[in-house]
C-alpha atoms as a PDB file:
ATOM      1  CA  MET A   1     -48.891  58.036  69.314  1.00  0.00           C
ATOM      2  CA  ASN A   2     -51.799  60.528  69.656  1.00  0.00           C
ATOM      3  CA  VAL A   3     -54.908  58.416  68.776  1.00  0.00           C
ATOM      4  CA  PRO A   4     -56.778  61.787  67.049  1.00  0.00           C
ATOM      5  CA  PHE A   5     -53.575  61.972  64.997  1.00  0.00           C
ATOM      6  CA  VAL A   6     -53.443  58.541  63.693  1.00  0.00           C
ATOM      7  CA  ARG A   7     -57.206  58.592  62.707  1.00  0.00           C
ATOM      8  CA  ALA A   8     -56.556  61.706  60.920  1.00  0.00           C
ATOM      9  CA  LEU A   9     -53.713  59.960  58.898  1.00  0.00           C
ATOM     10  CA  ALA A  10     -55.842  57.115  58.120  1.00  0.00           C
ATOM     11  CA  ALA A  11     -58.679  59.610  56.618  1.00  0.00           C
ATOM     12  CA  GLY A  12     -56.079  61.587  54.661  1.00  0.00           C
ATOM     13  CA  ALA A  13     -55.195  58.108  53.123  1.00  0.00           C
ATOM     14  CA  VAL A  14     -58.518  57.914  51.886  1.00  0.00           C
ATOM     15  CA  VAL A  15     -58.535  61.436  50.547  1.00  0.00           C
ATOM     16  CA  VAL A  16     -55.420  61.054  48.565  1.00  0.00           C
ATOM     17  CA  SER A  17     -57.048  57.732  47.021  1.00  0.00           C
ATOM     18  CA  LEU A  18     -60.090  59.505  46.038  1.00  0.00           C
ATOM     19  CA  PHE A  19     -58.104  62.333  44.573  1.00  0.00           C
ATOM     20  CA  ALA A  20     -56.164  59.957  42.591  1.00  0.00           C
ATOM     21  CA  SER A  21     -58.965  58.295  40.986  1.00  0.00           C
ATOM     22  CA  GLY A  22     -60.839  61.146  39.898  1.00  0.00           C
ATOM     23  CA  ALA A  23     -63.260  61.596  42.691  1.00  0.00           C
ATOM     24  CA  VAL A  24     -62.949  64.844  44.378  1.00  0.00           C
ATOM     25  CA  ALA A  25     -63.109  64.980  48.258  1.00  0.00           C
ATOM     26  CA  GLN A  26     -65.014  67.852  49.644  1.00  0.00           C
ATOM     27  CA  ALA A  27     -65.006  69.433  53.032  1.00  0.00           C
ATOM     28  CA  ALA A  28     -68.090  71.863  52.352  1.00  0.00           C
ATOM     29  CA  GLY A  29     -70.466  72.825  49.703  1.00  0.00           C
ATOM     30  CA  PRO A  30     -74.139  72.529  48.642  1.00  0.00           C
ATOM     31  CA  ARG A  31     -74.231  69.176  50.081  1.00  0.00           C
ATOM     32  CA  ASP A  32     -74.154  70.828  53.548  1.00  0.00           C
ATOM     33  CA  ARG A  33     -77.622  72.744  52.930  1.00  0.00           C
ATOM     34  CA  GLN A  34     -80.387  71.811  55.050  1.00  0.00           C
ATOM     35  CA  VAL A  35     -82.352  69.114  53.512  1.00  0.00           C
ATOM     36  CA  TYR A  36     -85.884  67.978  55.261  1.00  0.00           C
ATOM     37  CA  GLU A  37     -86.187  64.168  54.660  1.00  0.00           C
ATOM     38  CA  CYS A  38     -89.233  62.571  53.507  1.00  0.00           C
ATOM     39  CA  ALA A  39     -92.067  61.111  55.683  1.00  0.00           C
ATOM     40  CA  GLY A  40     -91.061  57.657  54.945  1.00  0.00           C
ATOM     41  CA  PRO A  41     -87.627  56.212  54.748  1.00  0.00           C
ATOM     42  CA  SER A  42     -85.276  58.303  52.754  1.00  0.00           C
ATOM     43  CA  ILE A  43     -81.510  59.779  52.244  1.00  0.00           C
ATOM     44  CA  ASP A  44     -81.268  63.365  51.469  1.00  0.00           C
ATOM     45  CA  ARG A  45     -84.893  62.785  50.229  1.00  0.00           C
ATOM     46  CA  TYR A  46     -84.065  59.758  47.979  1.00  0.00           C
ATOM     47  CA  GLN A  47     -86.664  57.033  48.602  1.00  0.00           C
ATOM     48  CA  GLN A  48     -85.811  54.553  46.078  1.00  0.00           C
ATOM     49  CA  TRP A  49     -82.484  52.889  46.897  1.00  0.00           C
ATOM     50  CA  LEU A  50     -83.219  49.139  44.964  1.00  0.00           C
ATOM     51  CA  ALA A  51     -81.650  45.880  44.523  1.00  0.00           C
ATOM     52  CA  SER A  52     -82.446  45.098  41.195  1.00  0.00           C
ATOM     53  CA  GLY A  53     -82.266  41.255  41.244  1.00  0.00           C
ATOM     54  CA  GLU A  54     -79.264  41.414  38.746  1.00  0.00           C
ATOM     55  CA  GLY A  55     -76.189  39.551  40.313  1.00  0.00           C
ATOM     56  CA  THR A  56     -76.116  37.890  43.496  1.00  0.00           C
ATOM     57  CA  THR A  57     -76.842  40.507  46.343  1.00  0.00           C
ATOM     58  CA  VAL A  58     -77.978  40.774  49.754  1.00  0.00           C
ATOM     59  CA  PRO A  59     -80.641  41.944  49.659  1.00  0.00           C
ATOM     60  CA  ALA A  60     -81.676  40.019  46.513  1.00  0.00           C
ATOM     61  CA  THR A  61     -84.246  42.464  45.681  1.00  0.00           C
ATOM     62  CA  GLY A  62     -86.376  45.425  46.997  1.00  0.00           C
ATOM     63  CA  SER A  63     -85.167  48.358  49.160  1.00  0.00           C
ATOM     64  CA  LEU A  64     -81.558  48.710  50.580  1.00  0.00           C
ATOM     65  CA  LEU A  65     -82.865  51.045  53.249  1.00  0.00           C
ATOM     66  CA  VAL A  66     -82.342  50.370  56.868  1.00  0.00           C
ATOM     67  CA  ARG A  67     -82.710  52.591  60.003  1.00  0.00           C
ATOM     68  CA  GLU A  68     -79.439  53.761  61.291  1.00  0.00           C
ATOM     69  CA  GLY A  69     -79.449  55.981  64.461  1.00  0.00           C
ATOM     70  CA  ARG A  70     -81.903  58.891  63.360  1.00  0.00           C
ATOM     71  CA  GLY A  71     -81.685  58.212  59.947  1.00  0.00           C
ATOM     72  CA  TYR A  72     -81.142  55.532  57.152  1.00  0.00           C
ATOM     73  CA  ALA A  73     -78.617  54.132  55.330  1.00  0.00           C
ATOM     74  CA  ALA A  74     -78.843  51.922  51.984  1.00  0.00           C
ATOM     75  CA  LYS A  75     -76.718  48.912  52.513  1.00  0.00           C
ATOM     76  CA  VAL A  76     -75.786  46.231  50.011  1.00  0.00           C
ATOM     77  CA  ALA A  77     -73.473  43.149  49.752  1.00  0.00           C
ATOM     78  CA  PHE A  78     -72.241  42.125  46.380  1.00  0.00           C
ATOM     79  CA  LEU A  79     -71.264  38.328  46.483  1.00  0.00           C
ATOM     80  CA  ARG A  80     -69.688  36.824  43.449  1.00  0.00           C
ATOM     81  CA  GLU A  81     -67.685  37.763  40.361  1.00  0.00           C
ATOM     82  CA  GLU A  82     -70.340  38.793  38.175  1.00  0.00           C
ATOM     83  CA  TRP A  83     -72.272  42.085  37.420  1.00  0.00           C
ATOM     84  CA  HIS A  84     -74.324  43.386  40.307  1.00  0.00           C
ATOM     85  CA  VAL A  85     -76.975  46.034  39.761  1.00  0.00           C
ATOM     86  CA  VAL A  86     -78.256  48.491  42.226  1.00  0.00           C
ATOM     87  CA  VAL A  87     -80.711  51.633  41.144  1.00  0.00           C
ATOM     88  CA  VAL A  88     -81.646  54.935  42.745  1.00  0.00           C
ATOM     89  CA  TRP A  89     -84.587  56.631  41.159  1.00  0.00           C
ATOM     90  CA  LEU A  90     -83.740  60.391  40.966  1.00  0.00           C
ATOM     91  CA  GLY A  91     -87.277  61.277  41.088  1.00  0.00           C
ATOM     92  CA  ASN A  92     -88.480  58.569  43.511  1.00  0.00           C
ATOM     93  CA  GLN A  93     -90.592  56.952  40.909  1.00  0.00           C
ATOM     94  CA  PHE A  94     -89.564  54.917  37.699  1.00  0.00           C
ATOM     95  CA  GLU A  95     -91.368  57.359  35.220  1.00  0.00           C
ATOM     96  CA  ALA A  96     -89.819  60.628  36.711  1.00  0.00           C
ATOM     97  CA  ARG A  97     -86.902  62.505  35.168  1.00  0.00           C
ATOM     98  CA  ALA A  98     -84.525  65.120  36.176  1.00  0.00           C
ATOM     99  CA  ASP A  99     -82.840  67.803  34.269  1.00  0.00           C
ATOM    100  CA  LEU A 100     -78.975  68.029  35.220  1.00  0.00           C
ATOM    101  CA  SER A 101     -77.849  69.753  32.590  1.00  0.00           C
ATOM    102  CA  ALA A 102     -77.310  72.901  34.833  1.00  0.00           C
ATOM    103  CA  SER A 103     -75.567  70.971  37.839  1.00  0.00           C
ATOM    104  CA  SER A 104     -71.984  70.636  38.471  1.00  0.00           C
ATOM    105  CA  GLY A 105     -71.828  67.081  39.736  1.00  0.00           C
ATOM    106  CA  PHE A 106     -73.045  65.611  43.099  1.00  0.00           C
ATOM    107  CA  TRP A 107     -71.761  64.623  46.519  1.00  0.00           C
ATOM    108  CA  LEU A 108     -71.702  60.907  47.493  1.00  0.00           C
ATOM    109  CA  THR A 109     -71.256  59.781  51.281  1.00  0.00           C
ATOM    110  CA  TYR A 110     -70.390  56.170  51.291  1.00  0.00           C
ATOM    111  CA  SER A 111     -68.303  53.483  51.985  1.00  0.00           C
ATOM    112  CA  ALA A 112     -66.815  50.412  49.779  1.00  0.00           C
ATOM    113  CA  THR A 113     -64.599  47.730  50.075  1.00  0.00           C
ATOM    114  CA  ASP A 114     -63.768  47.631  46.066  1.00  0.00           C
ATOM    115  CA  ASP A 115     -64.095  49.629  43.235  1.00  0.00           C
ATOM    116  CA  LEU A 116     -67.242  50.087  41.403  1.00  0.00           C
ATOM    117  CA  TYR A 117     -69.234  52.113  38.725  1.00  0.00           C
ATOM    118  CA  LEU A 118     -71.923  54.408  38.572  1.00  0.00           C
ATOM    119  CA  GLN A 119     -74.006  54.613  35.563  1.00  0.00           C
ATOM    120  CA  LEU A 120     -76.235  57.816  34.670  1.00  0.00           C
ATOM    121  CA  ARG A 121     -79.235  56.180  32.930  1.00  0.00           C
ATOM    122  CA  PRO A 122     -81.515  58.505  30.800  1.00  0.00           C
ATOM    123  CA  ALA A 123     -85.226  57.982  30.647  1.00  0.00           C
ATOM    124  CA  SER A 124     -85.078  57.336  26.937  1.00  0.00           C
ATOM    125  CA  HIS A 125     -82.099  54.772  26.994  1.00  0.00           C
ATOM    126  CA  TRP A 126     -82.740  53.134  30.524  1.00  0.00           C
ATOM    127  CA  SER A 127     -82.209  49.464  29.658  1.00  0.00           C
ATOM    128  CA  GLY A 128     -78.989  47.768  28.817  1.00  0.00           C
ATOM    129  CA  GLY A 129     -75.508  48.155  30.172  1.00  0.00           C
ATOM    130  CA  ASP A 130     -74.162  50.354  27.403  1.00  0.00           C
ATOM    131  CA  LYS A 131     -74.083  53.766  29.567  1.00  0.00           C
ATOM    132  CA  TRP A 132     -72.231  56.691  30.442  1.00  0.00           C
ATOM    133  CA  LEU A 133     -70.435  55.827  33.758  1.00  0.00           C
ATOM    134  CA  THR A 134     -67.790  56.968  36.266  1.00  0.00           C
ATOM    135  CA  LYS A 135     -65.659  55.015  38.764  1.00  0.00           C
ATOM    136  CA  VAL A 136     -66.609  55.087  42.270  1.00  0.00           C
ATOM    137  CA  PRO A 137     -63.654  54.161  44.143  1.00  0.00           C
ATOM    138  CA  ALA A 138     -62.810  51.610  46.988  1.00  0.00           C
ATOM    139  CA  THR A 139     -62.841  53.387  50.218  1.00  0.00           C
ATOM    140  CA  GLY A 140     -61.089  50.592  52.377  1.00  0.00           C
ATOM    141  CA  GLY A 141     -64.591  50.227  54.132  1.00  0.00           C
ATOM    142  CA  LYS A 142     -64.153  53.825  55.829  1.00  0.00           C
ATOM    143  CA  ARG A 143     -67.051  55.960  55.148  1.00  0.00           C
ATOM    144  CA  VAL A 144     -65.901  59.239  53.075  1.00  0.00           C
ATOM    145  CA  THR A 145     -67.860  61.954  51.065  1.00  0.00           C
ATOM    146  CA  ALA A 146     -66.680  62.671  47.694  1.00  0.00           C
ATOM    147  CA  PHE A 147     -67.509  65.011  44.750  1.00  0.00           C
ATOM    148  CA  PHE A 148     -68.334  63.420  41.237  1.00  0.00           C
ATOM    149  CA  SER A 149     -68.136  66.132  38.381  1.00  0.00           C
ATOM    150  CA  PHE A 150     -70.790  65.931  35.527  1.00  0.00           C
ATOM    151  CA  ALA A 151     -68.137  67.499  33.145  1.00  0.00           C
ATOM    152  CA  ALA A 152     -68.238  64.984  30.308  1.00  0.00           C
ATOM    153  CA  ASP A 153     -64.720  64.072  30.292  1.00  0.00           C
ATOM    154  CA  SER A 154     -65.131  62.733  33.728  1.00  0.00           C
ATOM    155  CA  TRP A 155     -67.267  60.024  32.439  1.00  0.00           C
ATOM    156  CA  THR A 156     -66.679  57.198  29.992  1.00  0.00           C
ATOM    157  CA  TRP A 157     -67.943  53.552  29.031  1.00  0.00           C
ATOM    158  CA  LEU A 158     -66.692  49.881  29.522  1.00  0.00           C
ATOM    159  CA  PRO A 159     -66.207  47.922  26.241  1.00  0.00           C
ATOM    160  CA  GLU A 160     -67.534  45.162  28.045  1.00  0.00           C
ATOM    161  CA  LEU A 161     -70.794  46.871  28.586  1.00  0.00           C
ATOM    162  CA  GLY A 162     -71.204  48.484  25.242  1.00  0.00           C
ATOM    163  CA  GLN A 163     -70.686  52.058  23.647  1.00  0.00           C
ATOM    164  CA  PRO A 164     -73.619  54.570  24.552  1.00  0.00           C
ATOM    165  CA  SER A 165     -75.375  55.676  21.274  1.00  0.00           C
ATOM    166  CA  TYR A 166     -76.195  58.799  22.691  1.00  0.00           C
ATOM    167  CA  SER A 167     -74.400  61.809  24.316  1.00  0.00           C
ATOM    168  CA  PHE A 168     -73.510  62.300  27.894  1.00  0.00           C
ATOM    169  CA  ALA A 169     -75.301  65.789  27.635  1.00  0.00           C
ATOM    170  CA  SER A 170     -78.601  64.432  26.421  1.00  0.00           C
ATOM    171  CA  ALA A 171     -78.486  61.718  29.269  1.00  0.00           C
ATOM    172  CA  LEU A 172     -77.804  64.641  31.796  1.00  0.00           C
ATOM    173  CA  ALA A 173     -80.875  66.432  30.240  1.00  0.00           C
ATOM    174  CA  GLU A 174     -83.367  63.324  30.840  1.00  0.00           C
ATOM    175  CA  ALA A 175     -81.662  61.754  33.861  1.00  0.00           C
ATOM    176  CA  ARG A 176     -83.937  58.910  35.394  1.00  0.00           C
ATOM    177  CA  GLY A 177     -81.786  57.055  37.525  1.00  0.00           C
ATOM    178  CA  PHE A 178     -78.305  56.258  38.897  1.00  0.00           C
ATOM    179  CA  VAL A 179     -77.358  52.768  38.680  1.00  0.00           C
ATOM    180  CA  PHE A 180     -74.294  51.366  40.789  1.00  0.00           C
ATOM    181  CA  VAL A 181     -72.764  48.554  39.089  1.00  0.00           C
ATOM    182  CA  GLY A 182     -69.815  46.457  40.041  1.00  0.00           C
ATOM    183  CA  LYS A 183     -68.528  42.964  39.156  1.00  0.00           C
ATOM    184  CA  THR A 184     -66.401  41.826  42.396  1.00  0.00           C
ATOM    185  CA  ALA A 185     -67.527  41.123  45.875  1.00  0.00           C
ATOM    186  CA  ASN A 186     -68.037  44.334  47.609  1.00  0.00           C
ATOM    187  CA  LYS A 187     -69.864  45.702  50.774  1.00  0.00           C
ATOM    188  CA  LEU A 188     -71.579  49.153  50.270  1.00  0.00           C
ATOM    189  CA  ASP A 189     -72.935  51.765  52.591  1.00  0.00           C
ATOM    190  CA  PHE A 190     -74.518  54.827  51.390  1.00  0.00           C
ATOM    191  CA  ARG A 191     -75.291  57.746  53.725  1.00  0.00           C
ATOM    192  CA  GLY A 192     -75.586  60.530  51.767  1.00  0.00           C
ATOM    193  CA  LEU A 193     -76.470  61.716  48.114  1.00  0.00           C
ATOM    194  CA  ARG A 194     -76.418  65.548  47.014  1.00  0.00           C
ATOM    195  CA  ILE A 195     -76.811  66.813  43.529  1.00  0.00           C
ATOM    196  CA  ASP A 196     -75.844  70.173  42.762  1.00  0.00           C
ATOM    197  CA  GLY A 197     -78.931  72.334  42.026  1.00  0.00           C
ATOM    198  CA  TYR A 198     -81.521  69.344  42.242  1.00  0.00           C
ATOM    199  CA  GLN A 199     -83.629  67.974  44.889  1.00  0.00           C
ATOM    200  CA  PRO A 200     -86.010  65.234  44.781  1.00  0.00           C
ATOM    201  CA  PRO A 201     -89.769  65.491  45.290  1.00  0.00           C
ATOM    202  CA  CYS A 202     -90.944  63.333  48.347  1.00  0.00           C
ATOM    203  CA  ARG A 203     -93.641  60.624  46.832  1.00  0.00           C
END
C-alpha cells in the first residue's frame, strides 16, 4: 500500500478523535499568522511553561522548554495516578492578565498519550482546583493542531475538583494562565499555542 496514503489515514483517525471529543482540528486560521518569537526560549511568544511541583512529573519543577530544531518544545511526563499540574502564564509573568472576552478560542499544537484537561485560571481566583476547564484529548502520541472554543458551553468543571464560584465570562475577562491538569500517566509535548486576537508581550 502507498506509504503516504497510510500516513494520511493515521492522521485522519486523530482528527476524527478530536472532533468526537469537542476539540476541532483546523487546517488554517489565525494560528498561521507570522509570530516573532521572544529573544529567549518561547513557543509562539509564550515564555513561561512551568512544572508546578504538584504531582510527580519530569521535570519536577521549573521550565518545560527544551531546544527542538530551530525552535522550542515544552515537554513533560506525568508519572503516577494522581493530579499533576503544568502552568502557562499568558502574559509571561504571574502578575499579568489578559482580557480574552472578544477571542473565539485558541489553537494548540501538541501530542498526548492520554486525556487531560486545561483550566482557564483568572487572576482573582488563581488558587485551587475549582476552575472552568475543557478536555484536551489524547492523540495517541501523534502531534496534532486542534482548535478549542471559548464558547461557554465548551467548558465545564469536575465534581472532584469543585464547582467554580465565578462565571466563565469573568474568567475570560481576567485570564492569568492556562493550567494543564491530569490524573493519569501521560507524556506531553507542546509545540504551538495561538489565542485568537491575543499575542503575549515578551519579558
